Protein backbone atom coordinates (compact mmCIF):
# COMPACT_ATOMS: atom_id res chain seq x y z
CA MET A 1 104.79 67.91 127.11
CA THR A 2 108.24 66.55 127.90
CA ALA A 3 110.41 68.42 130.34
CA VAL A 4 113.20 70.50 128.88
CA ARG A 5 116.54 70.93 130.56
CA LEU A 6 117.31 74.62 130.72
CA PRO A 7 120.78 76.14 130.53
CA ARG A 8 122.35 77.25 133.81
CA ALA A 9 121.66 80.94 133.18
CA LEU A 10 117.91 80.56 132.66
CA PRO A 11 116.88 79.54 136.21
CA ARG A 12 118.29 82.84 137.46
CA LEU A 13 116.21 84.93 135.04
CA PRO A 14 112.90 84.81 137.01
CA ARG A 15 114.67 86.54 139.90
CA LEU A 16 115.52 89.39 137.55
CA LEU A 17 111.82 89.79 136.74
CA VAL A 18 110.91 90.22 140.43
CA LEU A 19 110.74 93.95 141.08
CA ARG A 20 112.10 95.13 144.41
CA PRO A 21 109.79 97.43 146.43
CA ALA A 22 112.26 100.32 146.17
CA VAL A 23 112.45 100.00 142.38
CA ARG A 24 108.70 99.84 141.67
CA PRO A 25 107.89 103.57 142.35
CA ALA A 26 110.67 104.66 140.01
CA LEU A 27 109.39 102.34 137.28
CA CYS A 28 105.90 103.85 137.66
CA LEU A 29 107.30 107.30 136.78
CA LEU A 30 109.75 106.16 134.11
CA PRO A 31 107.16 105.83 131.27
CA LEU A 32 105.99 109.42 131.83
CA ALA A 33 109.55 110.71 131.72
CA LEU A 34 110.19 108.83 128.48
CA VAL A 35 106.99 110.25 126.95
CA LEU A 36 108.18 113.77 127.75
CA VAL A 37 111.60 113.14 126.22
CA VAL A 38 110.19 111.61 123.03
CA ALA A 39 107.58 114.37 122.66
CA LEU A 40 110.20 117.10 123.02
CA ARG A 41 112.43 115.44 120.44
CA HIS A 42 109.53 115.24 117.94
CA ARG A 43 107.70 118.46 118.80
CA SER A 44 107.85 119.78 115.22
CA VAL A 45 106.26 116.58 113.91
CA LEU A 46 103.58 116.81 116.58
CA ALA A 47 102.73 120.42 115.72
CA GLU A 48 102.50 119.70 111.99
CA GLY A 49 100.49 116.51 112.51
CA PHE A 50 97.89 118.20 114.70
CA GLY A 51 97.70 120.99 112.13
CA GLN A 52 96.79 118.47 109.42
CA LEU A 53 93.99 117.04 111.57
CA ARG A 54 92.20 120.41 111.67
CA SER A 55 91.39 120.23 107.95
CA ALA A 56 90.33 116.56 107.90
CA GLU A 57 86.86 115.03 107.64
CA TRP A 58 86.05 113.97 111.20
CA PRO A 59 83.89 110.88 110.46
CA TRP A 60 86.86 109.23 108.78
CA LEU A 61 89.13 110.21 111.66
CA VAL A 62 86.68 108.59 114.08
CA ALA A 63 86.83 105.44 111.96
CA ALA A 64 90.65 105.53 112.13
CA ALA A 65 90.51 105.92 115.92
CA ALA A 66 88.07 103.00 116.19
CA ALA A 67 90.36 100.80 114.08
CA THR A 68 93.28 101.77 116.32
CA CYS A 69 91.35 100.76 119.45
CA LEU A 70 90.43 97.43 117.89
CA THR A 71 94.12 96.67 117.26
CA TRP A 72 94.61 96.31 121.03
CA VAL A 73 91.73 93.82 121.12
CA ALA A 74 93.30 91.88 118.24
CA ALA A 75 96.68 91.89 120.00
CA ALA A 76 95.06 90.57 123.19
CA VAL A 77 93.30 87.79 121.28
CA THR A 78 96.55 86.80 119.58
CA ARG A 79 98.48 86.82 122.87
CA GLN A 80 95.85 84.52 124.41
CA GLY A 81 96.09 82.22 121.41
CA ALA A 82 99.84 81.84 121.91
CA VAL A 83 99.54 80.19 125.36
CA VAL A 84 97.57 77.20 126.61
CA GLU A 85 96.69 78.78 129.98
CA ARG A 86 93.74 81.11 130.14
CA LEU A 87 94.90 84.66 130.87
CA PRO A 88 92.71 87.21 132.71
CA ALA A 89 90.94 89.02 129.86
CA ARG A 90 90.69 92.53 131.29
CA ARG A 91 94.26 92.63 132.53
CA LEU A 92 95.43 91.17 129.22
CA LEU A 93 93.68 93.94 127.26
CA ALA A 94 95.06 96.65 129.57
CA THR A 95 98.52 95.14 129.18
CA GLN A 96 98.30 95.39 125.37
CA PHE A 97 97.36 99.07 125.65
CA ALA A 98 100.32 99.67 127.97
CA ALA A 99 102.60 97.56 125.78
CA GLY A 100 101.79 99.79 122.81
CA ALA A 101 103.16 102.79 124.71
CA ALA A 102 106.23 100.85 125.82
CA ASN A 103 106.82 99.78 122.22
CA HIS A 104 107.04 103.42 121.11
CA LEU A 105 109.45 104.34 123.89
CA LEU A 106 111.95 101.52 123.38
CA PRO A 107 113.53 99.92 120.28
CA THR A 108 110.92 98.22 118.11
CA GLY A 109 109.39 95.14 119.71
CA LEU A 110 111.46 95.26 122.91
CA GLY A 111 108.99 97.36 124.93
CA ALA A 112 105.92 95.28 124.13
CA GLY A 113 107.88 92.07 124.46
CA ALA A 114 109.19 92.95 127.92
CA VAL A 115 105.74 94.02 129.16
CA ASN A 116 104.05 90.86 127.89
CA LEU A 117 106.82 88.60 129.15
CA ARG A 118 106.48 90.13 132.60
CA PHE A 119 102.67 89.82 132.47
CA MET A 120 102.76 86.14 131.56
CA THR A 121 105.27 85.30 134.30
CA VAL A 122 103.11 87.11 136.87
CA CYS A 123 100.15 85.03 135.62
CA GLY A 124 102.12 81.88 136.44
CA VAL A 125 103.41 80.89 132.99
CA PRO A 126 107.02 79.63 133.35
CA LEU A 127 109.68 81.85 131.86
CA ALA A 128 110.76 79.39 129.16
CA ARG A 129 107.18 78.91 127.97
CA SER A 130 106.46 82.66 128.19
CA SER A 131 109.42 83.30 125.91
CA ALA A 132 108.22 80.59 123.54
CA ALA A 133 104.73 82.15 123.47
CA LEU A 134 106.26 85.55 122.71
CA ALA A 135 108.24 84.08 119.82
CA LEU A 136 105.14 82.28 118.52
CA TYR A 137 103.17 85.54 118.60
CA LEU A 138 105.85 87.39 116.64
CA LEU A 139 106.13 84.57 114.11
CA ALA A 140 102.37 84.36 113.56
CA GLU A 141 102.01 88.13 113.22
CA GLY A 142 104.89 88.33 110.76
CA VAL A 143 103.63 85.42 108.66
CA ALA A 144 100.10 86.85 108.60
CA ARG A 145 101.33 90.32 107.59
CA LEU A 146 103.46 88.92 104.78
CA ALA A 147 100.65 86.60 103.60
CA LEU A 148 98.21 89.53 103.49
CA LEU A 149 100.62 91.60 101.43
CA VAL A 150 101.30 88.79 98.97
CA GLY A 151 97.60 88.01 98.63
CA LEU A 152 96.67 91.64 98.02
CA LEU A 153 99.48 92.12 95.51
CA ILE A 154 98.27 89.06 93.61
CA ALA A 155 94.73 90.43 93.61
CA PHE A 156 95.87 93.98 92.74
CA PRO A 157 99.15 93.63 90.82
CA GLY A 158 99.35 97.31 89.90
CA ALA A 159 98.87 98.67 93.42
CA LEU A 160 102.50 99.76 93.91
CA ARG A 161 104.71 101.36 91.28
CA ILE A 162 108.12 100.33 92.53
CA ASP A 163 110.13 101.58 89.53
CA GLY A 164 112.85 103.84 90.82
CA LEU A 165 112.18 103.18 94.51
CA VAL A 166 115.23 100.92 94.82
CA PRO A 167 118.48 102.60 93.65
CA ASP A 168 120.32 100.92 90.80
CA GLY A 169 122.88 98.46 92.07
CA ALA A 170 121.47 98.39 95.61
CA VAL A 171 119.96 94.89 95.48
CA GLY A 172 123.30 93.11 95.17
CA PRO A 173 124.96 94.73 98.21
CA LEU A 174 121.76 94.26 100.23
CA LEU A 175 121.64 90.52 99.51
CA LEU A 176 125.37 90.27 100.22
CA GLY A 177 124.88 91.97 103.58
CA VAL A 178 122.06 89.58 104.50
CA ALA A 179 124.21 86.59 103.50
CA LEU A 180 127.16 87.84 105.56
CA ALA A 181 124.93 88.40 108.59
CA LEU A 182 123.56 84.85 108.33
CA CYS A 183 127.05 83.39 107.98
CA ALA A 184 128.24 85.36 111.02
CA ALA A 185 125.30 84.14 113.09
CA LEU A 186 125.95 80.53 112.08
CA ALA A 187 129.66 80.90 112.89
CA VAL A 188 128.88 82.25 116.36
CA LEU A 189 126.50 79.37 117.02
CA ALA A 190 129.09 76.87 115.84
CA LEU A 191 131.84 78.32 118.06
CA VAL A 192 129.92 79.16 121.26
CA ARG A 193 128.69 75.90 122.73
CA ARG A 194 126.67 77.44 125.58
CA LEU A 195 124.81 79.73 123.21
CA ARG A 196 124.08 76.81 120.89
CA ALA A 197 122.74 74.73 123.78
CA ALA A 198 120.53 77.61 124.95
CA LEU A 199 119.15 78.11 121.43
CA PHE A 200 118.36 74.42 120.93
CA SER A 201 116.71 74.25 124.35
CA PHE A 202 114.57 77.27 123.52
CA LEU A 203 113.60 75.82 120.14
CA ARG A 204 112.49 72.55 121.75
CA THR A 205 110.35 74.47 124.20
CA ALA A 206 108.94 76.69 121.44
CA PHE A 207 108.01 73.76 119.21
CA GLY A 208 106.39 71.97 122.14
CA GLU A 209 104.37 75.07 123.01
CA ALA A 210 103.31 75.52 119.38
CA ARG A 211 102.11 71.90 119.22
CA SER A 212 100.15 72.30 122.45
CA VAL A 213 98.48 75.49 121.21
CA HIS A 214 97.50 73.98 117.87
CA THR A 215 95.90 70.94 119.49
CA ARG A 216 93.25 73.34 120.84
CA PRO A 217 91.11 74.77 118.00
CA SER A 218 90.07 77.82 120.06
CA ARG A 219 93.70 78.77 120.72
CA ALA A 220 94.76 78.23 117.10
CA LEU A 221 91.81 80.31 115.87
CA ALA A 222 92.67 83.09 118.30
CA LEU A 223 96.34 83.02 117.34
CA TRP A 224 95.91 83.17 113.57
CA GLY A 225 92.66 85.13 113.51
CA GLY A 226 94.14 87.83 115.71
CA SER A 227 97.37 87.82 113.71
CA LEU A 228 95.41 88.51 110.50
CA ALA A 229 93.11 91.08 112.11
CA PHE A 230 95.92 93.13 113.68
CA PRO A 231 97.66 94.34 110.48
CA LEU A 232 94.33 94.63 108.65
CA LEU A 233 93.03 97.01 111.33
CA GLN A 234 96.25 99.03 111.22
CA ALA A 235 96.03 99.30 107.45
CA ALA A 236 92.34 100.20 107.65
CA GLY A 237 93.27 103.04 110.01
CA LEU A 238 95.70 104.46 107.46
CA ALA A 239 93.11 104.13 104.68
CA SER A 240 90.57 106.00 106.83
CA VAL A 241 93.00 108.86 107.44
CA GLY A 242 93.75 108.93 103.71
CA ARG A 243 90.06 109.33 102.95
CA ALA A 244 89.77 112.02 105.64
CA LEU A 245 92.49 114.10 103.98
CA GLY A 246 91.44 113.40 100.39
CA LEU A 247 94.38 111.27 99.27
CA PRO A 248 93.61 110.24 95.67
CA VAL A 249 94.48 106.56 96.24
CA SER A 250 92.00 103.73 96.65
CA PRO A 251 91.65 102.30 100.20
CA THR A 252 92.89 98.89 99.06
CA HIS A 253 96.03 100.40 97.57
CA MET A 254 96.63 102.38 100.76
CA MET A 255 96.36 99.17 102.77
CA ILE A 256 98.87 97.49 100.48
CA ALA A 257 101.19 100.48 100.88
CA TYR A 258 100.94 100.21 104.66
CA LEU A 259 101.72 96.49 104.72
CA ALA A 260 104.68 96.94 102.36
CA ALA A 261 106.10 99.83 104.39
CA THR A 262 105.80 98.14 107.77
CA ILE A 263 107.40 94.94 106.50
CA ALA A 264 110.26 96.98 105.02
CA VAL A 265 111.07 98.67 108.34
CA ALA A 266 110.38 95.69 110.62
CA LEU A 267 114.08 95.24 111.43
CA VAL A 268 114.97 98.91 111.88
CA PRO A 269 115.91 99.34 115.59
CA THR A 270 114.22 102.68 116.29
CA PRO A 271 111.69 103.28 119.08
CA GLY A 272 108.34 102.21 117.66
CA GLY A 273 109.73 102.81 114.19
CA LEU A 274 109.65 106.58 114.82
CA GLY A 275 111.14 108.26 111.78
CA SER A 276 111.68 105.11 109.74
CA VAL A 277 107.98 104.19 109.57
CA GLU A 278 106.98 107.71 108.55
CA ALA A 279 109.51 107.79 105.73
CA ALA A 280 108.59 104.31 104.50
CA LEU A 281 104.86 105.11 104.58
CA VAL A 282 105.32 108.30 102.56
CA VAL A 283 107.39 106.43 99.97
CA ALA A 284 104.84 103.61 99.78
CA LEU A 285 101.87 105.98 99.39
CA VAL A 286 103.69 107.87 96.64
CA ALA A 287 104.44 104.52 94.98
CA ALA A 288 100.70 103.78 95.18
CA GLY A 289 99.97 106.96 93.22
CA GLY A 290 99.53 109.67 95.86
CA PRO A 291 101.03 113.19 95.66
CA VAL A 292 104.01 113.70 97.96
CA ALA A 293 102.47 116.60 99.91
CA VAL A 294 99.16 114.85 100.61
CA ALA A 295 100.89 111.54 101.39
CA THR A 296 103.10 113.30 103.94
CA ALA A 297 100.07 114.94 105.55
CA VAL A 298 98.27 111.58 105.74
CA VAL A 299 101.23 109.88 107.39
CA LEU A 300 101.67 112.65 109.97
CA ALA A 301 97.96 112.61 110.86
CA TYR A 302 97.92 108.80 111.00
CA ARG A 303 100.87 108.68 113.39
CA ILE A 304 99.26 111.31 115.60
CA ILE A 305 96.17 109.12 115.97
CA THR A 306 97.95 105.80 116.38
CA VAL A 307 101.08 106.81 118.30
CA TRP A 308 100.99 110.22 119.94
CA VAL A 309 97.39 110.44 121.19
CA PRO A 310 97.49 107.01 122.97
CA LEU A 311 101.07 107.50 124.20
CA LEU A 312 100.35 109.43 127.41
CA PRO A 313 97.33 107.33 128.56
CA GLY A 314 99.27 104.21 127.61
CA ALA A 315 102.21 105.33 129.74
CA LEU A 316 99.86 106.09 132.64
CA THR A 317 98.32 102.62 132.26
CA LEU A 318 101.79 101.08 132.22
CA GLY A 319 102.71 102.86 135.45
CA ALA A 320 99.43 101.79 137.06
CA LEU A 321 99.94 98.16 136.06
CA VAL A 322 103.42 98.22 137.59
CA ARG A 323 102.05 99.81 140.76
CA TRP A 324 99.25 97.25 141.05
CA LYS A 325 101.73 94.40 140.40
CA VAL A 326 99.90 93.24 137.27
CA ILE A 327 103.29 93.35 135.55
């Protein structure tokens, strides 16, 4: 792969990723402090969610928990598929578990991205290529999620009743806002030469990394297989919780509702989608034919299993990985 000339600012970035000895103990305790803050802010949701779990059918809840655990395996497989170098498997899996906690404590995607970027640089992957691998992972996961939704909607065209979900006259302003945002981004790139050079340099590195990964069948299979498995396992977890609480919606329709809701809130900058994901999931399950009260109970129980139960052990794992200099 041809060498890429990096902008002046990028060679200084690896030094920012080197943790000073005095900073490391504080970073070990920071995840626990953030867990406490987030839990206190959402204590009413926690109490109601745990209350819903008491009336659920436990075999289905176990299935939902198993699907949640397998999502970390799928994420690890996808992360390995995004880089040519072989990453240490056990540390990679532990990092995905810790990254899940970080992702719920920081704005969506930033926590997991920072943890994985740090992990890859510690493993010896250069910063530019680590960033390219992170972008490739996000692209593959997004494409796979959207492809699954489109495929399922084609197979089950009546799965979501979207009449009335979008307010009248809202589509036009939404499209106008997207167009204005794109124009503003293009104008900034056109006016700021250094930013444009950094972007083009990153894109060259990213395309080179993507070509290298796809020349190895095992890496390409891991990248796209894991990207497809990850959202399917998440959706299967929601369907299992729905069955546990007796939601009168077919599992396939619940999976479609999950994919539609998560795609809709993908760009909402809230920690782990807290608040926005819950609202979108309730709306999607109602659009799939579920009663509002049962759909709300399902979403609360699902978020307890997938977010709140793993949050504390994930934060502890994150602190341990920082202490042991894995990240």
